[in-house]
Amino acid sequence: MDQDTKLAFGQILGQIYRIQKNISPDICQVNDATIYALLNGVETTIDSQLLEQGFISREKEAHVSNVLAEYHNDSDKLNNLKGYYDIEHDLEAGNINRVEASIIMTMFNERGLFKEVIAKMDSSFSPVECKRFEISEYDI
């Protein structure tokens, strides 16, 4: 990301935090120093805040899609799918951790993609954080 883009994102994020803090201090999860640094282009603060927001590449999204498509397109594989642990190794091969997988599968589920495969994750053969993939009120 070039410096001008980074500065713009930092200032936008700083303004969002400022608005949140003015609406309700309980909503805003950052302190005044962070807001000030974002608004004034302090690169280390911008970098740390942007990295905290997370980033999932097209490649990672495509990898999850390919893994889920294997089960979506093969009814025998789908019938034998017990849960997340069955696909975890394939996801890890694409450098995808559980948090990223959860975000991507939630997005897919909300878009109506791979619903039958994703529904199979709600089982005892899945870790707690990878059972249900629905957007909560908190997330939007």
N, C-alpha and C. Protein backbone atom coordinates (compact mmCIF):
# COMPACT_ATOMS: atom_id res chain seq x y z
N MET A 1 0.86 -1.16 0.00
CA MET A 1 0.00 0.00 0.00
C MET A 1 0.91 1.23 0.00
N ASP A 2 0.62 2.16 -0.91
CA ASP A 2 1.45 3.36 -0.96
C ASP A 2 1.14 4.28 0.22
N GLN A 3 2.03 5.22 0.47
CA GLN A 3 1.93 6.07 1.65
C GLN A 3 0.68 6.95 1.65
N ASP A 4 0.29 7.47 0.48
CA ASP A 4 -0.91 8.32 0.41
C ASP A 4 -2.17 7.53 0.75
N THR A 5 -2.26 6.31 0.25
CA THR A 5 -3.42 5.46 0.53
C THR A 5 -3.46 5.12 2.02
N LYS A 6 -2.29 4.78 2.57
CA LYS A 6 -2.21 4.45 3.99
C LYS A 6 -2.65 5.64 4.84
N LEU A 7 -2.20 6.82 4.49
CA LEU A 7 -2.57 8.03 5.23
C LEU A 7 -4.08 8.26 5.15
N ALA A 8 -4.65 8.10 3.96
CA ALA A 8 -6.09 8.29 3.78
C ALA A 8 -6.88 7.29 4.63
N PHE A 9 -6.48 6.02 4.60
CA PHE A 9 -7.16 5.01 5.42
C PHE A 9 -7.03 5.34 6.90
N GLY A 10 -5.86 5.76 7.32
CA GLY A 10 -5.65 6.12 8.72
C GLY A 10 -6.55 7.27 9.14
N GLN A 11 -6.65 8.28 8.31
CA GLN A 11 -7.49 9.42 8.65
C GLN A 11 -8.98 9.04 8.65
N ILE A 12 -9.39 8.25 7.70
CA ILE A 12 -10.79 7.79 7.68
C ILE A 12 -11.10 6.97 8.93
N LEU A 13 -10.20 6.05 9.28
CA LEU A 13 -10.41 5.24 10.47
C LEU A 13 -10.44 6.12 11.72
N GLY A 14 -9.56 7.11 11.78
CA GLY A 14 -9.55 8.04 12.90
C GLY A 14 -10.86 8.79 13.01
N GLN A 15 -11.42 9.22 11.88
CA GLN A 15 -12.70 9.93 11.88
C GLN A 15 -13.83 9.00 12.34
N ILE A 16 -13.80 7.76 11.90
CA ILE A 16 -14.82 6.79 12.32
C ILE A 16 -14.76 6.60 13.83
N TYR A 17 -13.54 6.41 14.36
CA TYR A 17 -13.39 6.25 15.80
C TYR A 17 -13.87 7.50 16.54
N ARG A 18 -13.56 8.68 16.00
CA ARG A 18 -13.98 9.93 16.63
C ARG A 18 -15.50 10.01 16.70
N ILE A 19 -16.16 9.65 15.60
CA ILE A 19 -17.63 9.66 15.56
C ILE A 19 -18.19 8.66 16.56
N GLN A 20 -17.63 7.46 16.57
CA GLN A 20 -18.09 6.45 17.53
C GLN A 20 -17.96 6.95 18.95
N LYS A 21 -16.83 7.55 19.27
CA LYS A 21 -16.59 8.03 20.62
C LYS A 21 -17.58 9.13 21.00
N ASN A 22 -17.95 10.00 20.03
CA ASN A 22 -18.91 11.06 20.30
C ASN A 22 -20.32 10.53 20.48
N ILE A 23 -20.65 9.47 19.75
CA ILE A 23 -21.99 8.88 19.88
C ILE A 23 -22.11 8.15 21.21
N SER A 24 -21.13 7.31 21.49
CA SER A 24 -21.15 6.55 22.73
C SER A 24 -19.73 6.08 23.05
N PRO A 25 -19.15 6.57 24.11
CA PRO A 25 -17.78 6.16 24.46
C PRO A 25 -17.62 4.65 24.63
N ASP A 26 -18.69 3.96 24.95
CA ASP A 26 -18.61 2.50 25.12
C ASP A 26 -18.41 1.77 23.80
N ILE A 27 -18.82 2.38 22.69
CA ILE A 27 -18.69 1.75 21.38
C ILE A 27 -17.24 1.75 20.93
N CYS A 28 -16.55 2.85 21.12
CA CYS A 28 -15.19 3.03 20.62
C CYS A 28 -14.21 2.25 21.48
N GLN A 29 -13.44 1.39 20.84
CA GLN A 29 -12.52 0.52 21.55
C GLN A 29 -11.09 1.04 21.56
N VAL A 30 -10.87 2.29 21.13
CA VAL A 30 -9.51 2.85 21.13
C VAL A 30 -9.49 4.11 21.97
N ASN A 31 -8.29 4.48 22.40
CA ASN A 31 -8.16 5.66 23.26
C ASN A 31 -7.93 6.92 22.42
N ASP A 32 -7.94 8.07 23.10
CA ASP A 32 -7.78 9.35 22.42
C ASP A 32 -6.44 9.46 21.70
N ALA A 33 -5.40 8.89 22.29
CA ALA A 33 -4.07 8.95 21.67
C ALA A 33 -4.06 8.24 20.31
N THR A 34 -4.76 7.12 20.23
CA THR A 34 -4.83 6.38 18.96
C THR A 34 -5.59 7.19 17.92
N ILE A 35 -6.71 7.77 18.32
CA ILE A 35 -7.49 8.60 17.39
C ILE A 35 -6.64 9.77 16.90
N TYR A 36 -5.97 10.44 17.82
CA TYR A 36 -5.12 11.58 17.47
C TYR A 36 -4.03 11.16 16.48
N ALA A 37 -3.38 10.04 16.77
CA ALA A 37 -2.30 9.55 15.90
C ALA A 37 -2.82 9.20 14.51
N LEU A 38 -3.98 8.58 14.43
CA LEU A 38 -4.56 8.24 13.13
C LEU A 38 -4.88 9.50 12.33
N LEU A 39 -5.51 10.46 12.99
CA LEU A 39 -5.89 11.70 12.31
C LEU A 39 -4.69 12.51 11.85
N ASN A 40 -3.56 12.31 12.51
CA ASN A 40 -2.37 13.08 12.19
C ASN A 40 -1.30 12.28 11.46
N GLY A 41 -1.66 11.11 10.99
CA GLY A 41 -0.79 10.35 10.10
C GLY A 41 0.40 9.68 10.72
N VAL A 42 0.31 9.23 11.96
CA VAL A 42 1.42 8.53 12.60
C VAL A 42 1.45 7.09 12.06
N GLU A 43 2.48 6.82 11.27
CA GLU A 43 2.53 5.57 10.50
C GLU A 43 2.48 4.32 11.36
N THR A 44 3.18 4.30 12.49
CA THR A 44 3.16 3.08 13.31
C THR A 44 1.76 2.79 13.84
N THR A 45 1.02 3.84 14.19
CA THR A 45 -0.35 3.65 14.67
C THR A 45 -1.25 3.21 13.53
N ILE A 46 -1.09 3.83 12.36
CA ILE A 46 -1.89 3.42 11.19
C ILE A 46 -1.63 1.96 10.87
N ASP A 47 -0.36 1.59 10.82
CA ASP A 47 -0.02 0.19 10.51
C ASP A 47 -0.63 -0.77 11.53
N SER A 48 -0.50 -0.46 12.81
CA SER A 48 -1.02 -1.39 13.81
C SER A 48 -2.54 -1.47 13.75
N GLN A 49 -3.22 -0.37 13.51
CA GLN A 49 -4.69 -0.39 13.42
C GLN A 49 -5.17 -1.11 12.17
N LEU A 50 -4.50 -0.89 11.05
CA LEU A 50 -4.92 -1.57 9.82
C LEU A 50 -4.66 -3.06 9.91
N LEU A 51 -3.57 -3.46 10.54
CA LEU A 51 -3.29 -4.89 10.69
C LEU A 51 -4.28 -5.54 11.65
N GLU A 52 -4.71 -4.80 12.68
CA GLU A 52 -5.70 -5.35 13.60
C GLU A 52 -7.03 -5.61 12.91
N GLN A 53 -7.33 -4.83 11.88
CA GLN A 53 -8.59 -5.00 11.17
C GLN A 53 -8.60 -6.30 10.37
N GLY A 54 -7.43 -6.81 10.07
CA GLY A 54 -7.33 -8.07 9.34
C GLY A 54 -7.47 -7.87 7.84
N PHE A 55 -6.98 -8.83 7.11
CA PHE A 55 -7.04 -8.80 5.66
C PHE A 55 -7.06 -10.23 5.17
N ILE A 56 -8.03 -10.53 4.35
CA ILE A 56 -8.12 -11.87 3.76
C ILE A 56 -8.01 -11.70 2.26
N SER A 57 -6.99 -12.28 1.70
CA SER A 57 -6.70 -12.12 0.27
C SER A 57 -7.69 -12.89 -0.60
N ARG A 58 -7.72 -12.52 -1.86
CA ARG A 58 -8.53 -13.25 -2.85
C ARG A 58 -8.10 -14.70 -2.92
N GLU A 59 -6.79 -14.90 -2.78
CA GLU A 59 -6.27 -16.26 -2.86
C GLU A 59 -6.80 -17.13 -1.73
N LYS A 60 -6.87 -16.56 -0.53
CA LYS A 60 -7.39 -17.33 0.60
C LYS A 60 -8.88 -17.60 0.43
N GLU A 61 -9.61 -16.60 -0.03
CA GLU A 61 -11.04 -16.79 -0.29
C GLU A 61 -11.25 -17.88 -1.34
N ALA A 62 -10.46 -17.83 -2.40
CA ALA A 62 -10.56 -18.83 -3.46
C ALA A 62 -10.20 -20.22 -2.94
N HIS A 63 -9.21 -20.31 -2.06
CA HIS A 63 -8.82 -21.60 -1.52
C HIS A 63 -9.95 -22.22 -0.70
N VAL A 64 -10.59 -21.42 0.16
CA VAL A 64 -11.72 -21.94 0.94
C VAL A 64 -12.84 -22.37 0.00
N SER A 65 -13.09 -21.56 -1.02
CA SER A 65 -14.12 -21.89 -2.00
C SER A 65 -13.81 -23.24 -2.67
N ASN A 66 -12.57 -23.44 -3.04
CA ASN A 66 -12.18 -24.70 -3.69
C ASN A 66 -12.34 -25.90 -2.76
N VAL A 67 -11.98 -25.72 -1.49
CA VAL A 67 -12.12 -26.82 -0.52
C VAL A 67 -13.60 -27.16 -0.34
N LEU A 68 -14.43 -26.13 -0.15
CA LEU A 68 -15.86 -26.38 0.04
C LEU A 68 -16.51 -26.94 -1.22
N ALA A 69 -16.05 -26.49 -2.38
CA ALA A 69 -16.61 -26.95 -3.66
C ALA A 69 -16.41 -28.46 -3.85
N GLU A 70 -15.31 -28.99 -3.33
CA GLU A 70 -15.08 -30.44 -3.43
C GLU A 70 -16.23 -31.22 -2.82
N TYR A 71 -16.74 -30.75 -1.70
CA TYR A 71 -17.83 -31.42 -1.00
C TYR A 71 -19.18 -31.05 -1.61
N HIS A 72 -19.30 -29.81 -2.03
CA HIS A 72 -20.54 -29.32 -2.64
C HIS A 72 -20.84 -30.07 -3.94
N ASN A 73 -19.80 -30.39 -4.69
CA ASN A 73 -19.96 -31.03 -6.00
C ASN A 73 -19.93 -32.55 -5.96
N ASP A 74 -19.72 -33.13 -4.80
CA ASP A 74 -19.63 -34.59 -4.68
C ASP A 74 -20.51 -35.03 -3.50
N SER A 75 -21.68 -35.57 -3.80
CA SER A 75 -22.64 -35.93 -2.75
C SER A 75 -22.08 -37.00 -1.81
N ASP A 76 -21.23 -37.90 -2.30
CA ASP A 76 -20.63 -38.91 -1.43
C ASP A 76 -19.70 -38.25 -0.41
N LYS A 77 -18.87 -37.33 -0.88
CA LYS A 77 -17.98 -36.62 0.04
C LYS A 77 -18.80 -35.80 1.05
N LEU A 78 -19.85 -35.17 0.56
CA LEU A 78 -20.70 -34.37 1.45
C LEU A 78 -21.34 -35.25 2.52
N ASN A 79 -21.84 -36.40 2.13
CA ASN A 79 -22.47 -37.31 3.09
C ASN A 79 -21.49 -37.82 4.15
N ASN A 80 -20.22 -37.93 3.78
CA ASN A 80 -19.21 -38.43 4.71
C ASN A 80 -18.54 -37.32 5.53
N LEU A 81 -18.84 -36.08 5.23
CA LEU A 81 -18.26 -34.95 5.95
C LEU A 81 -18.85 -34.90 7.36
N LYS A 82 -17.98 -34.97 8.37
CA LYS A 82 -18.45 -34.97 9.76
C LYS A 82 -18.38 -33.58 10.39
N GLY A 83 -17.51 -32.74 9.88
CA GLY A 83 -17.37 -31.41 10.46
C GLY A 83 -16.08 -30.73 10.04
N TYR A 84 -15.77 -29.66 10.71
CA TYR A 84 -14.63 -28.81 10.36
C TYR A 84 -13.31 -29.57 10.38
N TYR A 85 -13.14 -30.47 11.34
CA TYR A 85 -11.87 -31.18 11.43
C TYR A 85 -11.56 -31.95 10.16
N ASP A 86 -12.58 -32.35 9.39
CA ASP A 86 -12.35 -33.05 8.12
C ASP A 86 -11.70 -32.15 7.08
N ILE A 87 -11.93 -30.85 7.15
CA ILE A 87 -11.37 -29.95 6.14
C ILE A 87 -10.24 -29.07 6.67
N GLU A 88 -10.00 -29.13 7.96
CA GLU A 88 -9.01 -28.23 8.56
C GLU A 88 -7.63 -28.37 7.93
N HIS A 89 -7.19 -29.57 7.69
CA HIS A 89 -5.86 -29.78 7.09
C HIS A 89 -5.79 -29.15 5.69
N ASP A 90 -6.85 -29.32 4.91
CA ASP A 90 -6.88 -28.72 3.56
C ASP A 90 -6.85 -27.19 3.64
N LEU A 91 -7.54 -26.63 4.62
CA LEU A 91 -7.53 -25.18 4.80
C LEU A 91 -6.15 -24.70 5.25
N GLU A 92 -5.56 -25.40 6.19
CA GLU A 92 -4.22 -25.04 6.66
C GLU A 92 -3.19 -25.12 5.54
N ALA A 93 -3.38 -26.03 4.59
CA ALA A 93 -2.48 -26.13 3.45
C ALA A 93 -2.50 -24.84 2.61
N GLY A 94 -3.61 -24.11 2.69
CA GLY A 94 -3.72 -22.81 2.02
C GLY A 94 -3.40 -21.65 2.94
N ASN A 95 -2.78 -21.97 4.09
CA ASN A 95 -2.38 -20.95 5.07
C ASN A 95 -3.58 -20.22 5.66
N ILE A 96 -4.66 -20.94 5.87
CA ILE A 96 -5.89 -20.35 6.40
C ILE A 96 -6.12 -20.87 7.81
N ASN A 97 -6.20 -19.94 8.76
CA ASN A 97 -6.45 -20.33 10.14
C ASN A 97 -7.95 -20.37 10.41
N ARG A 98 -8.32 -20.74 11.60
CA ARG A 98 -9.75 -20.89 11.95
C ARG A 98 -10.49 -19.56 11.88
N VAL A 99 -9.87 -18.49 12.32
CA VAL A 99 -10.54 -17.18 12.28
C VAL A 99 -10.83 -16.78 10.84
N GLU A 100 -9.84 -16.93 9.98
CA GLU A 100 -10.05 -16.59 8.56
C GLU A 100 -11.10 -17.49 7.93
N ALA A 101 -11.03 -18.78 8.23
CA ALA A 101 -12.01 -19.72 7.69
C ALA A 101 -13.41 -19.34 8.14
N SER A 102 -13.54 -18.97 9.40
CA SER A 102 -14.84 -18.59 9.94
C SER A 102 -15.39 -17.36 9.23
N ILE A 103 -14.54 -16.36 9.01
CA ILE A 103 -14.98 -15.14 8.32
C ILE A 103 -15.43 -15.46 6.90
N ILE A 104 -14.64 -16.23 6.19
CA ILE A 104 -14.95 -16.55 4.80
C ILE A 104 -16.22 -17.40 4.72
N MET A 105 -16.34 -18.41 5.59
CA MET A 105 -17.52 -19.27 5.54
C MET A 105 -18.78 -18.52 5.97
N THR A 106 -18.65 -17.57 6.88
CA THR A 106 -19.80 -16.75 7.25
C THR A 106 -20.26 -15.93 6.06
N MET A 107 -19.31 -15.33 5.35
CA MET A 107 -19.64 -14.56 4.16
C MET A 107 -20.31 -15.46 3.11
N PHE A 108 -19.73 -16.63 2.86
CA PHE A 108 -20.32 -17.56 1.90
C PHE A 108 -21.74 -17.96 2.33
N ASN A 109 -21.91 -18.28 3.59
CA ASN A 109 -23.21 -18.70 4.10
C ASN A 109 -24.25 -17.60 3.90
N GLU A 110 -23.89 -16.37 4.22
CA GLU A 110 -24.81 -15.25 4.06
C GLU A 110 -25.13 -14.97 2.59
N ARG A 111 -24.23 -15.34 1.71
CA ARG A 111 -24.46 -15.19 0.27
C ARG A 111 -25.20 -16.38 -0.32
N GLY A 112 -25.44 -17.40 0.49
CA GLY A 112 -26.16 -18.58 0.01
C GLY A 112 -25.27 -19.58 -0.71
N LEU A 113 -23.96 -19.49 -0.52
CA LEU A 113 -23.02 -20.39 -1.18
C LEU A 113 -22.62 -21.53 -0.25
N PHE A 114 -22.54 -22.73 -0.77
CA PHE A 114 -22.06 -23.91 -0.05
C PHE A 114 -22.85 -24.16 1.25
N LYS A 115 -24.11 -23.82 1.26
CA LYS A 115 -24.92 -23.92 2.48
C LYS A 115 -24.96 -25.33 3.06
N GLU A 116 -25.07 -26.34 2.19
CA GLU A 116 -25.14 -27.72 2.69
C GLU A 116 -23.82 -28.13 3.33
N VAL A 117 -22.71 -27.70 2.76
CA VAL A 117 -21.40 -28.03 3.30
C VAL A 117 -21.20 -27.30 4.63
N ILE A 118 -21.51 -26.02 4.65
CA ILE A 118 -21.33 -25.21 5.85
C ILE A 118 -22.23 -25.72 6.99
N ALA A 119 -23.42 -26.18 6.67
CA ALA A 119 -24.33 -26.70 7.69
C ALA A 119 -23.72 -27.93 8.38
N LYS A 120 -22.90 -28.68 7.68
CA LYS A 120 -22.27 -29.87 8.25
C LYS A 120 -21.26 -29.52 9.35
N MET A 121 -20.83 -28.27 9.39
CA MET A 121 -19.85 -27.85 10.39
C MET A 121 -20.46 -27.80 11.80
N ASP A 122 -21.77 -27.69 11.89
CA ASP A 122 -22.44 -27.62 13.19
C ASP A 122 -22.56 -29.04 13.76
N SER A 123 -21.42 -29.53 14.23
CA SER A 123 -21.37 -30.91 14.73
C SER A 123 -20.33 -31.01 15.84
N SER A 124 -20.29 -32.13 16.48
CA SER A 124 -19.29 -32.37 17.52
C SER A 124 -17.90 -32.59 16.92
N PHE A 125 -17.82 -32.67 15.60
CA PHE A 125 -16.55 -32.86 14.91
C PHE A 125 -16.00 -31.51 14.42
N SER A 126 -16.38 -30.45 15.11
CA SER A 126 -15.91 -29.10 14.80
C SER A 126 -15.59 -28.38 16.10
N PRO A 127 -14.57 -27.51 16.07
CA PRO A 127 -14.32 -26.70 17.26
C PRO A 127 -15.45 -25.69 17.44
N VAL A 128 -15.61 -25.19 18.64
CA VAL A 128 -16.71 -24.28 18.96
C VAL A 128 -16.75 -23.09 18.00
N GLU A 129 -15.59 -22.52 17.70
CA GLU A 129 -15.56 -21.32 16.85
C GLU A 129 -15.83 -21.61 15.37
N CYS A 130 -15.95 -22.85 15.02
CA CYS A 130 -16.19 -23.21 13.61
C CYS A 130 -17.41 -24.12 13.45
N LYS A 131 -18.48 -23.79 14.17
CA LYS A 131 -19.71 -24.56 14.06
C LYS A 131 -20.81 -23.79 13.34
N ARG A 132 -20.98 -22.55 13.69
CA ARG A 132 -22.06 -21.74 13.11
C ARG A 132 -21.47 -20.53 12.42
N PHE A 133 -22.01 -20.24 11.27
CA PHE A 133 -21.47 -19.17 10.44
C PHE A 133 -22.57 -18.20 10.05
N GLU A 134 -23.03 -17.44 11.05
CA GLU A 134 -24.08 -16.46 10.82
C GLU A 134 -23.59 -15.11 11.31
N ILE A 135 -24.03 -14.07 10.65
CA ILE A 135 -23.64 -12.73 11.06
C ILE A 135 -24.50 -12.30 12.24
N SER A 136 -23.84 -11.91 13.31
CA SER A 136 -24.60 -11.44 14.48
C SER A 136 -24.83 -9.93 14.38
N GLU A 137 -25.72 -9.42 15.19
CA GLU A 137 -25.98 -7.97 15.20
C GLU A 137 -24.72 -7.20 15.53
N TYR A 138 -23.87 -7.77 16.35
CA TYR A 138 -22.62 -7.12 16.75
C TYR A 138 -21.68 -6.92 15.56
N ASP A 139 -21.72 -7.86 14.61
CA ASP A 139 -20.78 -7.84 13.49
C ASP A 139 -21.13 -6.85 12.38
N ILE A 140 -22.37 -6.36 12.38
CA ILE A 140 -22.73 -5.43 11.28
C ILE A 140 -23.04 -4.05 11.81
